[in-house]
Protein backbone atom coordinates (compact mmCIF):
# COMPACT_ATOMS: atom_id res chain seq x y z
CA MET A 1 133.63 -55.05 113.60
CA GLU A 2 132.78 -54.63 109.87
CA TYR A 3 130.06 -51.69 109.14
CA GLU A 4 128.42 -53.93 106.83
CA HIS A 5 127.27 -56.58 109.62
CA TYR A 6 126.89 -53.38 112.28
CA GLU A 7 124.30 -51.75 110.20
CA LYS A 8 122.37 -55.10 109.90
CA LEU A 9 122.60 -56.30 113.27
CA ASN A 10 119.52 -58.10 114.20
CA TYR A 11 118.27 -59.11 117.41
CA ASP A 12 115.20 -61.97 116.18
CA HIS A 13 118.71 -63.22 114.26
CA ILE A 14 120.98 -63.22 116.37
CA VAL A 15 119.25 -64.30 119.73
CA VAL A 16 117.78 -67.53 117.32
CA GLU A 17 121.93 -68.92 117.16
CA VAL A 18 123.05 -67.58 120.96
CA ASN A 19 120.10 -70.52 121.86
CA LYS A 20 121.85 -73.29 120.14
CA PHE A 21 123.81 -72.89 122.76
CA ALA A 22 121.89 -72.16 126.07
CA ASP A 23 119.88 -73.96 128.20
CA PRO A 24 117.42 -72.50 129.31
CA PRO A 25 116.69 -70.10 126.05
CA ILE A 26 117.91 -66.48 127.32
CA SER A 27 117.45 -62.40 126.06
CA PHE A 28 119.52 -60.23 126.43
CA GLN A 29 119.93 -56.60 125.49
CA LEU A 30 121.75 -55.55 121.95
CA HIS A 31 123.74 -51.77 122.55
CA PRO A 32 125.03 -50.91 119.10
CA ILE A 33 128.60 -49.34 119.74
CA GLU A 34 129.78 -46.76 117.38
CA GLN A 35 133.29 -44.85 118.85
CA ASP A 36 135.72 -43.37 116.98
CA GLY A 37 135.09 -44.72 113.57
CA LYS A 38 135.07 -48.41 115.37
CA TYR A 39 131.88 -50.41 115.61
CA PHE A 40 131.43 -52.90 118.56
CA VAL A 41 128.35 -54.50 119.95
CA LEU A 42 127.66 -54.65 122.95
CA ILE A 43 125.52 -57.64 124.62
CA ARG A 44 124.27 -57.51 128.07
CA VAL A 45 122.70 -60.72 129.70
CA PRO A 46 121.05 -60.68 132.68
CA GLU A 47 121.34 -62.85 135.64
CA PHE A 48 119.10 -65.81 135.90
CA ASP A 49 116.48 -65.95 138.26
CA GLU A 50 116.18 -69.23 139.53
CA VAL A 51 117.45 -71.44 136.77
CA PRO A 52 121.69 -71.71 136.08
CA ILE A 53 121.90 -71.06 132.30
CA VAL A 54 124.03 -73.35 131.09
CA CYS A 55 125.62 -73.73 127.27
CA LYS A 56 124.01 -77.01 126.36
CA LYS A 57 126.92 -77.49 123.74
CA SER A 58 130.41 -76.06 122.60
CA GLY A 59 130.46 -74.31 119.05
CA GLU A 60 133.07 -73.92 115.97
CA GLN A 61 137.24 -73.74 117.04
CA GLY A 62 138.77 -69.84 115.50
CA LYS A 63 135.94 -68.26 113.87
CA ALA A 64 136.67 -65.82 117.48
CA GLN A 65 138.48 -62.13 116.41
CA TYR A 66 140.09 -60.48 119.76
CA PHE A 67 140.97 -57.39 119.97
CA GLN A 68 144.58 -57.70 121.17
CA ASP A 69 145.87 -53.65 120.97
CA GLN A 70 142.69 -51.99 121.86
CA LYS A 71 142.33 -50.79 125.13
CA LEU A 72 137.80 -50.04 125.42
CA ASN A 73 137.04 -47.89 128.70
CA LEU A 74 134.19 -50.16 129.46
CA ASN A 75 133.05 -48.28 132.02
CA GLN A 76 132.73 -45.32 129.88
CA LEU A 77 131.07 -47.37 127.51
CA LEU A 78 128.54 -48.82 129.70
CA SER A 79 127.73 -44.96 130.69
CA GLU A 80 127.04 -44.51 127.58
CA VAL A 81 124.32 -47.30 127.11
CA ASN A 82 122.67 -46.25 130.42
CA GLN A 83 121.87 -43.10 129.06
CA LYS A 84 120.10 -43.43 126.18
């Protein structure tokens, strides 16, 4: 992600947008990560307690970017987040 977006991450704004799609509404943790001059956000969503979380509507197509050539060690990133 671009640094300009990374530095402006705001949980309150993101949770409002995410909950337009989730039923029941969810909470989650955001973990900003900078590694090798690249910026990422790890979003950790806990399992539901009693009622499954479902997607209540579809999103816009064509707006997501996918990392095809980047190989990330997810276990390493999770380990670093757990240490914070």
